Protein backbone atom coordinates (compact mmCIF):
# COMPACT_ATOMS: atom_id res chain seq x y z
CA MET A 1 -3.05 -0.40 3.64
CA LEU A 2 -4.38 -3.50 5.34
CA ASP A 3 -6.73 -5.72 3.38
CA ARG A 4 -10.39 -4.79 3.80
CA GLY A 5 -11.37 -8.46 4.06
CA ASP A 6 -9.57 -9.01 7.34
CA ASP A 7 -11.11 -8.21 10.71
CA ILE A 8 -8.09 -6.59 12.36
CA ASP A 9 -8.33 -4.72 15.62
CA ILE A 10 -6.84 -1.23 15.72
CA VAL A 11 -4.38 -1.97 18.57
CA ARG A 12 -2.72 -4.87 16.70
CA ALA A 13 -2.67 -2.83 13.50
CA ALA A 14 -1.04 0.11 15.30
CA GLY A 15 1.74 -2.21 16.48
CA ALA A 16 2.38 -3.34 12.91
CA VAL A 17 2.39 0.28 11.76
CA GLN A 18 5.01 1.13 14.38
CA ARG A 19 7.21 -1.77 13.24
CA ILE A 20 7.00 -0.63 9.61
CA ALA A 21 7.86 2.94 10.59
CA GLN A 22 10.94 1.68 12.45
CA THR A 23 12.20 -0.44 9.52
CA VAL A 24 11.55 1.86 6.55
CA ARG A 25 14.67 3.79 5.66
CA SER A 26 14.27 5.47 2.26
CA PRO A 27 17.15 7.88 1.67
CA PRO A 28 17.14 10.75 1.81
CA GLU A 29 14.94 10.31 4.88
CA ALA A 30 14.07 14.01 5.05
CA ARG A 31 12.32 13.73 1.66
CA ALA A 32 10.72 10.29 2.10
CA ARG A 33 7.17 9.68 3.27
CA TYR A 34 5.54 6.39 4.16
CA ASP A 35 1.91 6.43 5.26
CA VAL A 36 0.18 3.38 6.67
CA GLY A 37 -3.59 2.99 6.65
CA VAL A 38 -6.16 0.68 8.14
CA GLU A 39 -9.75 0.59 6.97
CA VAL A 40 -12.01 1.74 9.80
CA PRO A 41 -15.79 1.86 10.18
CA ALA A 42 -17.68 4.99 9.15
CA GLY A 43 -17.77 7.51 11.99
CA PHE A 44 -14.54 6.21 13.60
CA ARG A 45 -12.82 8.91 15.67
CA PRO A 46 -9.06 8.36 16.16
CA ASP A 47 -7.04 9.41 19.21
CA GLY A 48 -3.62 11.03 19.40
CA ALA A 49 -1.41 11.17 16.32
CA PHE A 50 -3.75 9.08 14.17
CA GLY A 51 -6.04 10.66 11.59
CA VAL A 52 -8.76 9.62 9.16
CA VAL A 53 -8.30 10.18 5.43
CA GLY A 54 -10.87 9.36 2.78
CA LEU A 55 -9.60 7.99 -0.52
CA PRO A 56 -11.36 8.76 -3.80
CA ALA A 57 -12.67 6.01 -6.06
CA MET A 58 -9.87 4.91 -8.39
CA ARG A 59 -8.91 2.27 -10.93
CA LEU A 60 -6.02 0.09 -9.75
CA ALA A 61 -3.52 -2.11 -11.53
CA GLU A 62 -2.77 -4.83 -8.98
CA VAL A 63 -0.20 -7.59 -8.61
CA GLU A 64 -0.49 -9.99 -5.67
CA ILE A 65 2.62 -11.49 -4.13
CA ALA A 66 3.24 -14.19 -1.55
CA GLY A 67 6.84 -14.90 -0.62
CA PRO A 68 10.05 -13.02 0.13
CA ILE A 69 9.84 -9.23 0.16
CA ASP A 70 12.03 -8.87 -2.96
CA LEU A 71 8.98 -10.05 -4.94
CA GLU A 72 7.37 -6.70 -4.15
CA GLN A 73 10.11 -4.76 -5.95
CA ARG A 74 9.89 -7.19 -8.88
CA ALA A 75 6.11 -6.61 -9.03
CA ILE A 76 6.58 -2.82 -9.03
CA ASP A 77 9.26 -3.06 -11.73
CA TRP A 78 6.99 -5.27 -13.87
CA LEU A 79 4.04 -2.88 -13.47
CA TYR A 80 6.08 0.17 -14.53
CA ARG A 81 8.46 -1.36 -17.10
CA THR A 82 6.34 -4.04 -18.77
CA TRP A 83 2.62 -3.70 -18.13
CA LEU A 84 2.19 0.09 -18.01
CA PRO A 85 3.83 0.96 -21.39
CA ARG A 86 1.59 -1.62 -23.14
CA SER A 87 -1.62 -0.92 -21.22
CA GLY A 88 -2.78 2.40 -22.67
CA ARG A 89 -2.82 3.75 -19.11
CA VAL A 90 -0.64 6.08 -17.08
CA PRO A 91 -0.19 6.45 -13.31
CA ASP A 92 -2.90 8.54 -11.67
CA ASP A 93 -1.98 11.43 -9.39
CA GLN A 94 -2.15 9.10 -6.36
CA PRO A 95 0.49 7.14 -4.45
CA CYS A 96 1.19 3.47 -5.07
CA TYR A 97 -0.29 1.21 -2.36
CA GLU A 98 0.58 -2.01 -0.57
CA ALA A 99 -2.55 -3.89 0.48
CA TRP A 100 -1.39 -6.37 3.12
CA ARG A 101 -3.19 -9.68 3.50
CA GLY A 102 -3.46 -9.71 7.27
CA LEU A 103 -0.99 -7.85 9.47
CA PRO A 104 2.40 -6.77 8.12
CA PHE A 105 5.00 -9.23 9.43
CA GLY A 106 2.12 -11.56 10.37
CA HIS A 107 4.01 -14.41 8.66
CA GLY A 108 7.40 -13.44 10.11
CA ASP A 109 10.27 -11.60 8.45
CA SER A 110 10.78 -13.84 5.42
CA HIS A 111 7.26 -14.34 3.97
CA PHE A 112 4.92 -11.53 2.98
CA GLU A 113 1.44 -11.55 1.49
CA LEU A 114 0.29 -8.33 -0.11
CA ALA A 115 -0.92 -6.73 -3.30
CA VAL A 116 0.98 -3.93 -5.00
CA GLN A 117 -1.63 -1.45 -6.22
CA LEU A 118 -0.90 1.29 -8.74
CA PRO A 119 -3.69 3.82 -9.39
CA VAL A 120 -4.04 4.35 -13.15
CA VAL A 121 -6.08 6.36 -15.64
CA ASP A 122 -6.47 6.07 -19.41
CA ALA A 123 -3.51 7.67 -21.18
CA ALA A 124 -5.86 10.12 -22.94
CA THR A 125 -7.25 11.42 -19.61
CA PRO A 126 -5.90 14.86 -18.70
CA LEU A 127 -4.31 14.87 -15.26
């Protein structure tokens, strides 16, 4: 998901989405899914293969990274292995998100700025 604070035009964002789709290879590919989203104005009507999905309000645990992409995996590992067991929270029934600061690959292939966002609920909340 691209950061809400950035004014990014849909055409440039679509190009970044295509690049991500070409580079993501999560085996087994037949069972992997990678969705990319861009915040759009209310009433936006997409063309072609694009769609609009509304997300519910949710509580997020967030870790921001700026640097090589391996920091993202370290942030995810820290959220799940260190923070989550001590937090009194559990993952919500939602996917984990990447909130990019600007366009993906906007800083090249070796520096990334994004926030890893894990939807969570209180551990006592029935799912």
